[in-house]
Amino acid sequence: MSGELAIHHLGGGLGLGPNAFGRDVANLALYRALARYGDFDRLHMLTALETPAAEIAGTLQGVDPLTTQIETGSLLELGRARDAGTLFRGKADLAEMAWARRGAGLDTSYSLVGLIHTIAPPTTREEIAQASLAPVHPWDAIICTSPAVHDSISALFEGWTDYLGERFGGAKRPMPQLPILPLGVELDEIAALADRPAVRQAARARLGLGEDDVLALWVGRLSFYEKATPQPMFRAIEEAGRLAGRPLHFALAGWFPQASHRDYFEEAGRAYAPTSTLHWIDGNDPVLLGEMWAAADIFLSLVDNIQETFGLAPVEAMAAGLPVVASDWDGYRYTIRHGQEGFLAPTLIPSPGPPSVVLLRRHLQRIDSYQAYAGQLAQHTAVDVGAAARGLADLAASPDLRRRMGAAGRERVRQTFDWKQVVVGYRDLFDSLAERRRQAPTPSLSPRLNPVHGDPFRDHGSFATLSLTADTQIAVRPGVDPATDPALISGVTLDAYGEAWRLGRADLIPLVEGLRDAGWRRVGDLLATVPPPARARTTYGLVWLCKMGVLAWR
């Protein structure tokens, strides 16, 4: 083993609740893969909430104990990132992390690496673009999970930096590296769930399937505005049944963002697939989901939404040995090769221009929610239902074709999308960024703080009459007795607010007693008697005592 890695994780624990979003599922899987297969000596999990290292390690390890040491710390502990050489974040927003690194004078000490899960929300696009304005360097990176994402984000940076050059002058195009690295799956775990003949037989019997019946499967959120419009899938299932000469079964394993949406899906199913049998499976139940991987014959996913960027479920399906019928959309065309692991149905979108720009403006002006914006675009994104139906029918009619494409899919996962393979690409990226750092000239470290939001007492310095400096003089106000003053002895609840950032009452009392008979004293002289690590808290304590009327200043 060699090296270390620091991970920036905004939460505390790593567990997933019900109806988990795909990005959270993918991030947890990636963290596990880095811990299990990354060959790191030490992995630092930096979180906003204090979390025991043993709890994190328990979530990350598999059947075998981890050989990588797991340590936890605060998001503010940049020394851990410096020691690791790479600070990874499962999000594409690097700007604030870059300013934090700059503020600590650590620009060349470690690389920042972010990961794109979606590029559709305008706020996400703005976060990504901020990398051109923040102190982000060529030894930093934002990982694109597919060539389509890479092309889109490259165009974003080119257009944005062109504008910056026109606006402010200069020919530089500041941006991070944009490597293409896929998400991955645990091939062996999914294959073990799928390759269970007895479970397959029992699950199919429970669904009322005969030996020769064909079951297509969907896995994922059942959201018409953020995932996939169901009508084209229902219609493709219905038409495939007619082409194959027998109705198909279609199991939808997922969860609805709102319980009432199930009524919408069932209504659409009755209208568009009247002779097909639909099965509704709780996708939050891992046991049921595992049984579906064993029971299914074909995987179907006609995603039509800009929210989708990679698409993990079809890769899971290939790991399960299922042939895939999917939309020719974004990451799907990267993971699935038409005619080899399954079939891709062509997609169609309108040419750029009204009303799509109006839809975006309505969202930006907070007239429409993001869900309404993405959902209305999806309603005007077409998937070739006929092509999907023909692919389903061909697979339904030929068990041999299903076996061949399913085997090809599993082999593709083994070579390209198994986490053991994907993590190698991550290690290579981290090493290449480190080499860029070593070879780069020392960059300018000015300004140290973000001019927009750097230090609030600097940014709002003009609000106050004075700022406390070394030359400020302080003295105990006449009539104040440290033994009886409420700020020092009463234990008022409000007095404890913000106490973590200043000296506590036990330290303030002797400080005031020492000043009581000293008259006016220069702050710089007082702080010279305080150990350096305690000077900031002492300064805040002095201002608080001034605030409470214990001390006077001039």
Protein backbone atom coordinates (compact mmCIF):
# COMPACT_ATOMS: atom_id res chain seq x y z
CA MET A 1 0.00 0.00 0.00
CA SER A 2 1.09 3.56 -0.51
CA GLY A 3 -0.18 7.08 -0.14
CA GLU A 4 -3.05 8.78 1.55
CA LEU A 5 -6.33 10.34 0.47
CA ALA A 6 -8.56 12.93 2.12
CA ILE A 7 -12.31 12.99 1.37
CA HIS A 8 -14.48 16.08 1.89
CA HIS A 9 -17.90 14.87 3.08
CA LEU A 10 -20.40 17.49 4.18
CA GLY A 11 -22.43 15.22 6.42
CA GLY A 12 -21.34 13.05 9.30
CA GLY A 13 -22.16 9.36 8.86
CA LEU A 14 -22.29 7.69 5.47
CA GLY A 15 -25.53 5.72 5.81
CA LEU A 16 -28.34 6.02 3.27
CA GLY A 17 -31.98 6.55 4.16
CA PRO A 18 -35.04 5.60 2.11
CA ASN A 19 -35.52 7.14 -1.35
CA ALA A 20 -31.80 7.91 -1.57
CA PHE A 21 -30.69 10.03 -4.50
CA GLY A 22 -28.41 8.44 -7.05
CA ARG A 23 -25.50 10.79 -6.26
CA ASP A 24 -25.54 9.69 -2.60
CA VAL A 25 -25.65 6.01 -3.56
CA ALA A 26 -22.83 6.52 -6.06
CA ASN A 27 -20.67 8.50 -3.62
CA LEU A 28 -20.99 5.88 -0.89
CA ALA A 29 -20.10 3.14 -3.37
CA LEU A 30 -17.09 5.15 -4.54
CA TYR A 31 -15.87 5.79 -0.99
CA ARG A 32 -16.15 2.08 -0.28
CA ALA A 33 -14.22 1.22 -3.42
CA LEU A 34 -11.45 3.70 -2.60
CA ALA A 35 -11.17 2.24 0.90
CA ARG A 36 -11.26 -1.39 -0.26
CA TYR A 37 -9.30 -1.31 -3.52
CA GLY A 38 -7.46 2.03 -3.57
CA ASP A 39 -4.34 0.60 -1.92
CA PHE A 40 -4.05 3.61 0.41
CA ASP A 41 -2.21 3.48 3.70
CA ARG A 42 -4.61 6.00 5.23
CA LEU A 43 -7.94 7.54 4.27
CA HIS A 44 -8.99 10.77 6.02
CA MET A 45 -12.76 11.31 6.09
CA LEU A 46 -13.30 15.03 6.76
CA THR A 47 -16.84 15.76 7.86
CA ALA A 48 -18.99 18.60 9.17
CA LEU A 49 -20.25 16.51 12.07
CA GLU A 50 -17.91 14.67 14.43
CA THR A 51 -18.10 11.00 13.57
CA PRO A 52 -16.08 8.14 15.11
CA ALA A 53 -13.57 6.57 12.75
CA ALA A 54 -14.83 3.10 13.70
CA GLU A 55 -18.33 4.02 12.50
CA ILE A 56 -17.00 5.21 9.14
CA ALA A 57 -14.80 2.13 8.78
CA GLY A 58 -17.75 -0.15 9.54
CA THR A 59 -19.76 1.46 6.75
CA LEU A 60 -16.92 1.27 4.23
CA GLN A 61 -15.63 -2.26 4.77
CA GLY A 62 -17.01 -5.30 3.03
CA VAL A 63 -16.85 -8.92 4.12
CA ASP A 64 -13.15 -8.58 4.86
CA PRO A 65 -11.75 -6.00 7.31
CA LEU A 66 -10.16 -2.95 5.73
CA THR A 67 -6.38 -2.82 5.47
CA THR A 68 -6.54 0.94 4.88
CA GLN A 69 -6.54 2.93 8.11
CA ILE A 70 -9.60 5.19 8.43
CA GLU A 71 -9.24 8.50 10.25
CA THR A 72 -11.82 11.22 10.73
CA GLY A 73 -11.49 14.94 11.18
CA SER A 74 -13.13 18.28 10.54
CA LEU A 75 -13.66 19.82 7.12
CA LEU A 76 -11.48 22.65 8.42
CA GLU A 77 -8.45 20.42 9.06
CA LEU A 78 -6.56 21.29 5.89
CA GLY A 79 -3.39 19.78 7.33
CA ARG A 80 -4.88 16.37 6.61
CA ALA A 81 -5.42 17.32 2.96
CA ARG A 82 -1.82 18.60 2.81
CA ASP A 83 -0.52 15.32 4.21
CA ALA A 84 -2.66 13.26 1.83
CA GLY A 85 -1.81 15.27 -1.30
CA THR A 86 -5.37 15.01 -2.65
CA LEU A 87 -8.68 16.28 -1.29
CA PHE A 88 -11.56 14.55 -3.07
CA ARG A 89 -15.16 15.69 -3.02
CA GLY A 90 -18.14 13.79 -4.42
CA LYS A 91 -19.47 17.03 -5.91
CA ALA A 92 -18.24 19.35 -8.65
CA ASP A 93 -18.03 22.53 -6.55
CA LEU A 94 -14.35 23.32 -5.91
CA ALA A 95 -14.41 27.11 -5.50
CA GLU A 96 -14.77 27.43 -1.73
CA MET A 97 -12.32 24.58 -1.15
CA ALA A 98 -9.82 26.41 -3.38
CA TRP A 99 -10.22 29.64 -1.41
CA ALA A 100 -9.77 27.74 1.86
CA ARG A 101 -6.57 26.22 0.49
CA ARG A 102 -5.38 29.67 -0.63
CA GLY A 103 -6.14 31.17 2.77
CA ALA A 104 -3.87 28.58 4.37
CA GLY A 105 -1.11 29.18 1.81
CA LEU A 106 -1.33 25.58 0.57
CA ASP A 107 -1.96 26.05 -3.17
CA THR A 108 0.82 23.70 -4.23
CA SER A 109 0.49 21.31 -1.29
CA TYR A 110 -2.46 19.26 -2.51
CA SER A 111 -4.86 18.80 -5.40
CA LEU A 112 -8.60 19.31 -5.35
CA VAL A 113 -10.69 16.72 -7.18
CA GLY A 114 -14.46 16.98 -7.66
CA LEU A 115 -16.97 14.64 -9.28
CA ILE A 116 -19.88 15.53 -11.54
CA HIS A 117 -23.17 13.75 -10.89
CA THR A 118 -25.39 16.10 -12.87
CA ILE A 119 -24.89 19.20 -14.98
CA ALA A 120 -28.55 20.12 -15.42
CA PRO A 121 -29.39 22.37 -12.42
CA PRO A 122 -28.37 25.98 -13.16
CA THR A 123 -26.94 26.29 -9.64
CA THR A 124 -24.70 23.29 -10.29
CA ARG A 125 -23.48 24.79 -13.56
CA GLU A 126 -22.71 28.04 -11.76
CA GLU A 127 -20.76 26.16 -9.09
CA ILE A 128 -18.70 24.40 -11.74
CA ALA A 129 -18.03 27.67 -13.61
CA GLN A 130 -16.77 29.30 -10.42
CA ALA A 131 -13.63 27.17 -10.79
CA SER A 132 -12.47 29.71 -13.41
CA LEU A 133 -12.73 32.54 -10.87
CA ALA A 134 -11.42 30.77 -7.77
CA PRO A 135 -7.72 29.88 -7.24
CA VAL A 136 -8.14 26.51 -8.99
CA HIS A 137 -5.03 25.26 -10.78
CA PRO A 138 -4.04 22.81 -13.54
CA TRP A 139 -3.23 20.26 -10.82
CA ASP A 140 -6.92 20.21 -9.82
CA ALA A 141 -9.63 18.24 -11.58
CA ILE A 142 -13.37 17.81 -12.02
CA ILE A 143 -14.15 14.24 -13.04
CA CYS A 144 -16.63 13.75 -15.88
CA THR A 145 -18.37 10.38 -15.79
CA SER A 146 -18.99 10.14 -19.55
CA PRO A 147 -17.75 11.66 -22.83
CA ALA A 148 -21.06 13.51 -23.20
CA VAL A 149 -20.55 15.21 -19.83
CA HIS A 150 -16.96 16.04 -20.76
CA ASP A 151 -18.04 17.65 -24.04
CA SER A 152 -20.77 19.66 -22.33
CA ILE A 153 -18.55 20.93 -19.51
CA SER A 154 -15.70 21.71 -21.90
CA ALA A 155 -18.14 23.86 -23.89
CA LEU A 156 -19.31 25.50 -20.65
CA PHE A 157 -15.75 26.48 -19.68
CA GLU A 158 -14.89 27.63 -23.20
CA GLY A 159 -17.95 29.86 -23.44
CA TRP A 160 -17.53 31.17 -19.89
CA THR A 161 -13.80 31.93 -20.19
CA ASP A 162 -14.39 33.54 -23.61
CA TYR A 163 -16.83 35.87 -21.89
CA LEU A 164 -14.40 36.58 -19.05
CA GLY A 165 -11.66 37.39 -21.57
CA GLU A 166 -13.96 39.73 -23.48
CA ARG A 167 -15.16 41.36 -20.29
CA PHE A 168 -11.82 41.80 -18.51
CA GLY A 169 -9.15 41.19 -21.13
CA GLY A 170 -6.54 38.43 -21.21
CA ALA A 171 -6.18 35.24 -23.17
CA LYS A 172 -5.93 32.66 -20.38
CA ARG A 173 -8.58 29.96 -19.99
CA PRO A 174 -8.35 29.08 -16.28
CA MET A 175 -10.00 25.74 -15.64
CA PRO A 176 -9.26 22.42 -13.92
CA GLN A 177 -8.48 19.17 -15.67
CA LEU A 178 -11.59 17.38 -16.96
CA PRO A 179 -10.73 13.65 -17.00
CA ILE A 180 -13.30 11.02 -17.95
CA LEU A 181 -13.72 8.33 -15.30
CA PRO A 182 -16.88 6.23 -15.01
CA LEU A 183 -18.78 5.24 -11.93
CA GLY A 184 -18.59 1.59 -11.02
CA VAL A 185 -20.39 -1.34 -9.45
CA GLU A 186 -19.48 -4.31 -7.29
CA LEU A 187 -19.61 -6.95 -10.01
CA ASP A 188 -19.19 -9.97 -7.77
CA GLU A 189 -21.91 -8.85 -5.34
CA ILE A 190 -24.49 -8.16 -8.05
CA ALA A 191 -23.62 -11.33 -9.98
CA ALA A 192 -24.09 -13.36 -6.81
CA LEU A 193 -27.56 -11.87 -6.34
CA ALA A 194 -28.52 -12.58 -9.96
CA ASP A 195 -27.12 -16.10 -10.25
CA ARG A 196 -29.58 -17.78 -7.88
CA PRO A 197 -31.82 -20.23 -9.78
CA ALA A 198 -33.98 -21.08 -6.77
CA VAL A 199 -34.57 -17.39 -5.96
CA ARG A 200 -35.37 -16.74 -9.63
CA GLN A 201 -37.93 -19.50 -9.70
CA ALA A 202 -39.60 -18.41 -6.45
CA ALA A 203 -39.71 -14.71 -7.35
CA ARG A 204 -41.16 -15.40 -10.79
CA ALA A 205 -43.77 -17.72 -9.32
CA ARG A 206 -44.79 -15.05 -6.84
CA LEU A 207 -45.27 -12.63 -9.74
CA GLY A 208 -47.35 -15.20 -11.63
CA LEU A 209 -44.82 -15.77 -14.43
CA GLY A 210 -44.59 -19.03 -16.30
CA GLU A 211 -41.31 -20.60 -17.35
CA ASP A 212 -41.45 -19.06 -20.83
CA ASP A 213 -42.77 -15.65 -19.82
CA VAL A 214 -40.38 -12.72 -20.33
CA LEU A 215 -39.88 -10.17 -17.57
CA ALA A 216 -38.43 -6.73 -18.30
CA LEU A 217 -37.12 -4.73 -15.34
CA TRP A 218 -36.70 -1.06 -14.47
CA VAL A 219 -34.69 -0.01 -11.39
CA GLY A 220 -34.58 3.55 -10.06
CA ARG A 221 -36.67 6.51 -8.95
CA LEU A 222 -40.14 6.54 -10.47
CA SER A 223 -40.05 10.24 -11.24
CA PHE A 224 -41.51 11.58 -14.46
CA TYR A 225 -39.90 14.97 -13.94
CA GLU A 226 -36.37 13.98 -12.88
CA LYS A 227 -35.79 10.51 -14.32
CA ALA A 228 -37.95 9.14 -17.13
CA THR A 229 -41.37 9.65 -18.63
CA PRO A 230 -43.06 6.24 -18.26
CA GLN A 231 -45.43 6.33 -21.26
CA PRO A 232 -42.77 5.49 -23.89
CA MET A 233 -41.60 2.52 -21.82
CA PHE A 234 -45.16 1.25 -21.38
CA ARG A 235 -45.83 1.65 -25.10
CA ALA A 236 -42.58 -0.13 -26.03
CA ILE A 237 -43.47 -3.02 -23.71
CA GLU A 238 -46.94 -3.26 -25.29
CA GLU A 239 -45.65 -3.14 -28.86
CA ALA A 240 -42.89 -5.63 -28.09
CA GLY A 241 -45.52 -8.07 -26.84
CA ARG A 242 -47.40 -7.81 -30.14
CA LEU A 243 -44.19 -8.25 -32.15
CA ALA A 244 -43.11 -11.23 -30.06
CA GLY A 245 -46.54 -12.83 -30.19
CA ARG A 246 -47.04 -12.83 -26.41
CA PRO A 247 -47.43 -10.08 -23.79
CA LEU A 248 -44.41 -9.11 -21.76
CA HIS A 249 -44.28 -8.55 -18.02
CA PHE A 250 -42.73 -5.31 -16.77
CA ALA A 251 -41.49 -4.89 -13.17
CA LEU A 252 -40.80 -1.37 -11.97
CA ALA A 253 -38.53 -1.55 -8.91
CA GLY A 254 -38.23 1.91 -7.46
CA TRP A 255 -39.88 4.58 -5.36
CA PHE A 256 -42.09 7.56 -6.03
CA PRO A 257 -41.07 11.07 -4.94
CA GLN A 258 -44.68 11.50 -3.84
CA ALA A 259 -47.11 8.70 -3.04
CA SER A 260 -49.79 10.24 -5.28
CA HIS A 261 -47.53 9.82 -8.30
CA ARG A 262 -48.18 6.10 -8.31
CA ASP A 263 -51.71 6.87 -9.49
CA TYR A 264 -50.25 8.77 -12.46
CA PHE A 265 -48.00 5.85 -13.40
CA GLU A 266 -50.75 3.27 -13.04
CA GLU A 267 -53.12 5.37 -15.16
CA ALA A 268 -50.45 5.68 -17.87
CA GLY A 269 -49.81 1.95 -17.69
CA ARG A 270 -53.46 1.11 -18.24
CA ALA A 271 -53.62 3.45 -21.25
CA TYR A 272 -50.30 2.61 -22.97
CA ALA A 273 -49.82 -1.06 -21.98
CA PRO A 274 -53.36 -2.44 -21.60
CA THR A 275 -52.48 -6.08 -22.30
CA SER A 276 -49.12 -6.13 -20.51
CA THR A 277 -48.75 -7.06 -16.86
CA LEU A 278 -47.07 -4.44 -14.70
CA HIS A 279 -45.51 -5.25 -11.33
CA TRP A 280 -44.71 -2.57 -8.73
CA ILE A 281 -41.70 -3.47 -6.58
CA ASP A 282 -40.44 -1.56 -3.55
CA GLY A 283 -36.99 -0.45 -4.68
CA ASN A 284 -36.07 0.52 -1.11
CA ASP A 285 -36.20 -3.14 -0.08
CA PRO A 286 -32.76 -4.65 -0.83
CA VAL A 287 -34.09 -8.19 -0.57
CA LEU A 288 -36.81 -7.58 -3.16
CA LEU A 289 -34.39 -5.74 -5.41
CA GLY A 290 -31.92 -8.60 -5.23
CA GLU A 291 -34.68 -11.02 -6.19
CA MET A 292 -35.52 -8.88 -9.22
CA TRP A 293 -31.97 -9.13 -10.51
CA ALA A 294 -32.42 -12.89 -10.41
CA ALA A 295 -35.96 -12.95 -11.80
CA ALA A 296 -35.63 -10.57 -14.76
CA ASP A 297 -34.79 -11.41 -18.37
CA ILE A 298 -34.25 -7.92 -19.84
CA PHE A 299 -33.44 -4.51 -18.40
CA LEU A 300 -35.35 -1.51 -19.78
CA SER A 301 -34.51 2.14 -19.18
CA LEU A 302 -35.71 4.85 -21.56
CA VAL A 303 -34.36 7.80 -19.64
CA ASP A 304 -35.15 11.17 -21.25
CA ASN A 305 -34.09 13.68 -18.60
CA ILE A 306 -31.19 16.14 -18.51
CA GLN A 307 -30.80 15.32 -14.81
CA GLU A 308 -29.28 11.98 -15.86
CA THR A 309 -25.57 12.10 -16.67
CA PHE A 310 -24.17 8.57 -16.27
CA GLY A 311 -26.85 6.05 -15.40
CA LEU A 312 -25.70 3.44 -12.91
CA ALA A 313 -28.70 1.11 -13.11
CA PRO A 314 -27.93 -0.22 -16.63
CA VAL A 315 -24.39 -1.02 -15.49
CA GLU A 316 -25.82 -2.89 -12.51
CA ALA A 317 -28.09 -4.74 -14.94
CA MET A 318 -25.13 -5.76 -17.08
CA ALA A 319 -23.36 -6.97 -13.95
CA ALA A 320 -26.46 -9.08 -13.28
CA GLY A 321 -26.08 -10.61 -16.73
CA LEU A 322 -29.12 -8.90 -18.25
CA PRO A 323 -29.27 -7.56 -21.80
CA VAL A 324 -30.23 -3.89 -21.83
CA VAL A 325 -32.65 -1.85 -23.91
CA ALA A 326 -31.99 1.81 -23.20
CA SER A 327 -32.28 5.27 -24.67
CA ASP A 328 -29.33 6.57 -26.67
CA TRP A 329 -28.81 9.29 -24.09
CA ASP A 330 -25.73 10.80 -22.44
CA GLY A 331 -23.85 8.22 -20.34
CA TYR A 332 -25.96 5.31 -21.60
CA ARG A 333 -24.26 5.42 -24.99
CA TYR A 334 -20.91 5.25 -23.18
CA THR A 335 -21.73 2.21 -21.07
CA ILE A 336 -23.88 0.23 -23.53
CA ARG A 337 -22.64 -0.61 -27.02
CA HIS A 338 -25.53 -0.98 -29.45
CA GLY A 339 -25.84 -4.53 -30.68
CA GLN A 340 -23.33 -5.94 -28.20
CA GLU A 341 -24.66 -5.59 -24.64
CA GLY A 342 -28.14 -4.56 -25.76
CA PHE A 343 -29.95 -2.04 -27.93
CA LEU A 344 -30.00 1.76 -27.83
CA ALA A 345 -33.14 3.56 -28.95
CA PRO A 346 -32.41 6.88 -30.73
CA THR A 347 -33.45 10.12 -29.05
CA LEU A 348 -34.57 13.49 -30.41
CA ILE A 349 -34.63 17.00 -28.92
CA PRO A 350 -35.79 20.33 -30.40
CA SER A 351 -33.25 22.76 -31.84
CA PRO A 352 -31.98 25.38 -29.37
CA GLY A 353 -34.15 28.46 -29.00
CA PRO A 354 -37.60 29.39 -27.68
CA PRO A 355 -39.32 28.09 -25.68
CA SER A 356 -36.45 26.19 -23.99
CA VAL A 357 -34.72 29.47 -23.11
CA VAL A 358 -37.99 30.70 -21.62
CA LEU A 359 -38.27 27.54 -19.52
CA LEU A 360 -34.77 28.16 -18.18
CA ARG A 361 -35.51 31.83 -17.47
CA ARG A 362 -38.68 30.88 -15.60
CA HIS A 363 -36.63 28.63 -13.35
CA LEU A 364 -33.85 31.18 -12.89
CA GLN A 365 -36.44 33.79 -11.91
CA ARG A 366 -37.93 31.33 -9.38
CA ILE A 367 -41.23 31.14 -11.25
CA ASP A 368 -40.83 27.38 -11.79
CA SER A 369 -39.08 24.84 -9.58
CA TYR A 370 -36.14 22.85 -10.89
CA GLN A 371 -38.39 19.79 -11.08
CA ALA A 372 -40.86 21.67 -13.28
CA TYR A 373 -38.03 22.95 -15.48
CA ALA A 374 -36.39 19.54 -15.99
CA GLY A 375 -39.73 17.75 -16.29
CA GLN A 376 -41.05 20.05 -19.01
CA LEU A 377 -37.85 19.64 -21.01
CA ALA A 378 -38.19 15.88 -20.66
CA GLN A 379 -41.74 16.04 -22.03
CA HIS A 380 -40.21 17.38 -25.24
CA THR A 381 -37.39 14.85 -25.49
CA ALA A 382 -38.36 11.89 -27.66
CA VAL A 383 -37.18 8.31 -27.46
CA ASP A 384 -37.78 6.05 -30.46
CA VAL A 385 -40.48 3.78 -29.12
CA GLY A 386 -40.41 1.58 -32.21
CA ALA A 387 -36.68 0.92 -31.91
CA ALA A 388 -37.06 0.10 -28.23
CA ALA A 389 -39.97 -2.23 -28.97
CA ARG A 390 -38.01 -4.06 -31.67
CA GLY A 391 -35.07 -4.53 -29.32
CA LEU A 392 -37.35 -5.86 -26.59
CA ALA A 393 -39.15 -8.16 -29.05
CA ASP A 394 -35.89 -9.57 -30.46
CA LEU A 395 -34.69 -10.34 -26.97
CA ALA A 396 -38.04 -11.74 -25.88
CA ALA A 397 -38.10 -14.09 -28.86
CA SER A 398 -34.55 -15.39 -28.43
CA PRO A 399 -33.26 -16.84 -25.14
CA ASP A 400 -29.93 -17.35 -26.90
CA LEU A 401 -29.66 -13.63 -27.78
CA ARG A 402 -30.49 -12.76 -24.19
CA ARG A 403 -27.74 -15.07 -22.94
CA ARG A 404 -25.15 -13.75 -25.41
CA MET A 405 -25.87 -10.08 -24.74
CA GLY A 406 -26.13 -10.68 -21.01
CA ALA A 407 -22.74 -12.41 -20.99
CA ALA A 408 -21.24 -9.58 -23.07
CA GLY A 409 -22.60 -7.05 -20.61
CA ARG A 410 -21.11 -8.81 -17.62
CA GLU A 411 -17.76 -9.03 -19.34
CA ARG A 412 -17.88 -5.32 -20.19
CA VAL A 413 -18.48 -4.53 -16.55
CA ARG A 414 -15.61 -6.82 -15.56
CA GLN A 415 -13.21 -4.99 -17.85
CA THR A 416 -14.40 -1.40 -17.48
CA PHE A 417 -16.98 -0.73 -14.76
CA ASP A 418 -16.09 -3.05 -11.88
CA TRP A 419 -14.94 -0.84 -9.00
CA LYS A 420 -11.64 -2.72 -8.88
CA GLN A 421 -10.92 -1.40 -12.38
CA VAL A 422 -12.40 2.07 -11.91
CA VAL A 423 -10.34 2.80 -8.79
CA VAL A 424 -7.14 2.20 -10.77
CA GLY A 425 -8.12 5.18 -12.92
CA TYR A 426 -8.64 7.28 -9.79
CA ARG A 427 -5.21 6.39 -8.44
CA ASP A 428 -3.62 7.20 -11.79
CA LEU A 429 -5.41 10.57 -11.82
CA PHE A 430 -4.28 11.45 -8.29
CA ASP A 431 -0.68 10.54 -9.19
CA SER A 432 -0.73 12.56 -12.41
CA LEU A 433 -2.07 15.63 -10.60
CA ALA A 434 0.67 15.29 -7.98
CA GLU A 435 3.25 15.26 -10.76
CA ARG A 436 1.71 18.43 -12.23
CA ARG A 437 2.06 20.10 -8.82
CA ARG A 438 5.69 19.12 -8.54
CA GLN A 439 6.54 20.52 -11.96
CA ALA A 440 4.48 23.70 -11.77
CA PRO A 441 6.04 27.09 -10.99
CA THR A 442 4.99 28.62 -7.70
CA PRO A 443 1.73 30.50 -8.32
CA SER A 444 0.87 33.91 -6.96
CA LEU A 445 -0.77 33.62 -3.56
CA SER A 446 -2.51 36.98 -3.71
CA PRO A 447 -5.13 37.59 -2.54
CA ARG A 448 -5.06 35.16 0.37
CA LEU A 449 -8.74 35.62 1.17
CA ASN A 450 -11.70 35.65 -1.16
CA PRO A 451 -12.48 39.33 -1.84
CA VAL A 452 -16.19 38.56 -2.01
CA HIS A 453 -16.46 36.74 1.30
CA GLY A 454 -13.15 36.52 3.07
CA ASP A 455 -13.18 37.70 6.70
CA PRO A 456 -16.48 39.09 7.99
CA PHE A 457 -14.78 41.53 10.38
CA ARG A 458 -12.73 42.81 7.44
CA ASP A 459 -15.65 42.84 5.02
CA HIS A 460 -17.77 44.78 7.53
CA GLY A 461 -14.95 46.74 9.13
CA SER A 462 -16.52 50.07 8.15
CA PHE A 463 -19.60 49.25 10.23
CA ALA A 464 -17.88 49.74 13.61
CA THR A 465 -16.31 52.83 15.18
CA LEU A 466 -13.03 51.00 15.85
CA SER A 467 -11.36 47.64 15.31
CA LEU A 468 -9.47 46.11 18.21
CA THR A 469 -5.71 46.27 17.51
CA ALA A 470 -2.53 45.82 19.50
CA ASP A 471 -2.60 49.55 20.28
CA THR A 472 -6.16 49.53 21.64
CA GLN A 473 -6.22 50.19 25.38
CA ILE A 474 -8.60 48.45 27.77
CA ALA A 475 -9.45 48.84 31.45
CA VAL A 476 -11.97 47.49 33.96
CA ARG A 477 -14.91 49.89 34.11
CA PRO A 478 -15.42 51.74 37.40
CA GLY A 479 -17.69 49.89 39.80
CA VAL A 480 -17.15 46.45 38.23
CA ASP A 481 -16.40 43.74 40.77
CA PRO A 482 -15.28 40.41 39.23
CA ALA A 483 -16.68 38.57 42.26
CA THR A 484 -20.22 39.84 41.71
CA ASP A 485 -20.51 40.90 38.07
CA PRO A 486 -23.28 38.94 36.29
CA ALA A 487 -21.20 38.48 33.14
CA LEU A 488 -18.66 36.52 35.17
CA ILE A 489 -20.69 34.63 37.79
CA SER A 490 -24.41 34.42 36.98
CA GLY A 491 -24.43 31.68 34.37
CA VAL A 492 -27.02 33.46 32.20
CA THR A 493 -27.93 31.18 29.31
CA LEU A 494 -27.48 33.85 26.67
CA ASP A 495 -24.00 34.60 28.01
CA ALA A 496 -22.86 31.13 26.89
CA TYR A 497 -23.84 31.70 23.26
CA GLY A 498 -20.75 31.64 21.02
CA GLU A 499 -18.50 30.75 23.96
CA ALA A 500 -16.63 28.18 21.90
CA TRP A 501 -14.82 31.00 20.09
CA ARG A 502 -13.60 32.91 23.16
CA LEU A 503 -12.14 32.24 26.58
CA GLY A 504 -14.60 30.62 28.94
CA ARG A 505 -15.80 32.17 32.17
CA ALA A 506 -13.22 30.30 34.23
CA ASP A 507 -10.41 31.99 32.25
CA LEU A 508 -12.09 35.38 31.98
CA ILE A 509 -12.40 35.89 35.76
CA PRO A 510 -8.62 35.86 36.50
CA LEU A 511 -8.05 38.00 33.38
CA VAL A 512 -10.41 40.69 34.73
CA GLU A 513 -8.96 40.42 38.22
CA GLY A 514 -5.50 41.01 36.76
CA LEU A 515 -6.72 44.14 34.97
CA ARG A 516 -8.67 45.50 37.91
CA ASP A 517 -5.87 47.54 39.45
CA ALA A 518 -3.74 47.93 36.31
CA GLY A 519 -5.51 50.95 34.87
CA TRP A 520 -5.45 51.30 31.11
CA ARG A 521 -3.45 48.57 29.46
CA ARG A 522 -2.39 48.12 25.87
CA VAL A 523 -3.93 45.01 24.23
CA GLY A 524 -0.66 44.09 22.54
CA ASP A 525 1.14 44.04 25.89
CA LEU A 526 -1.56 41.86 27.40
CA LEU A 527 -1.52 39.37 24.53
CA ALA A 528 2.26 39.10 24.77
CA THR A 529 1.73 37.29 28.08
CA VAL A 530 -0.67 34.77 26.51
CA PRO A 531 0.53 31.59 24.71
CA PRO A 532 0.12 32.05 20.92
CA PRO A 533 -2.53 29.30 20.51
CA ALA A 534 -4.79 31.13 23.01
CA ARG A 535 -4.42 34.66 21.65
CA ALA A 536 -7.34 34.62 19.23
CA ARG A 537 -9.73 33.31 21.90
CA THR A 538 -8.35 35.87 24.34
CA THR A 539 -8.96 38.68 21.84
CA TYR A 540 -12.56 37.57 21.34
CA GLY A 541 -12.93 37.28 25.09
CA LEU A 542 -11.78 40.87 25.56
CA VAL A 543 -14.27 42.16 23.00
CA TRP A 544 -17.05 40.16 24.66
CA LEU A 545 -16.17 41.67 28.04
CA CYS A 546 -16.33 45.09 26.43
CA LYS A 547 -19.72 44.14 24.98
CA MET A 548 -21.05 43.10 28.40
CA GLY A 549 -19.88 46.33 30.04
CA VAL A 550 -17.10 44.76 32.08
CA LEU A 551 -14.27 46.48 30.20
CA ALA A 552 -13.92 49.91 28.65
CA TRP A 553 -11.77 50.64 25.60
CA ARG A 554 -10.15 53.60 23.93
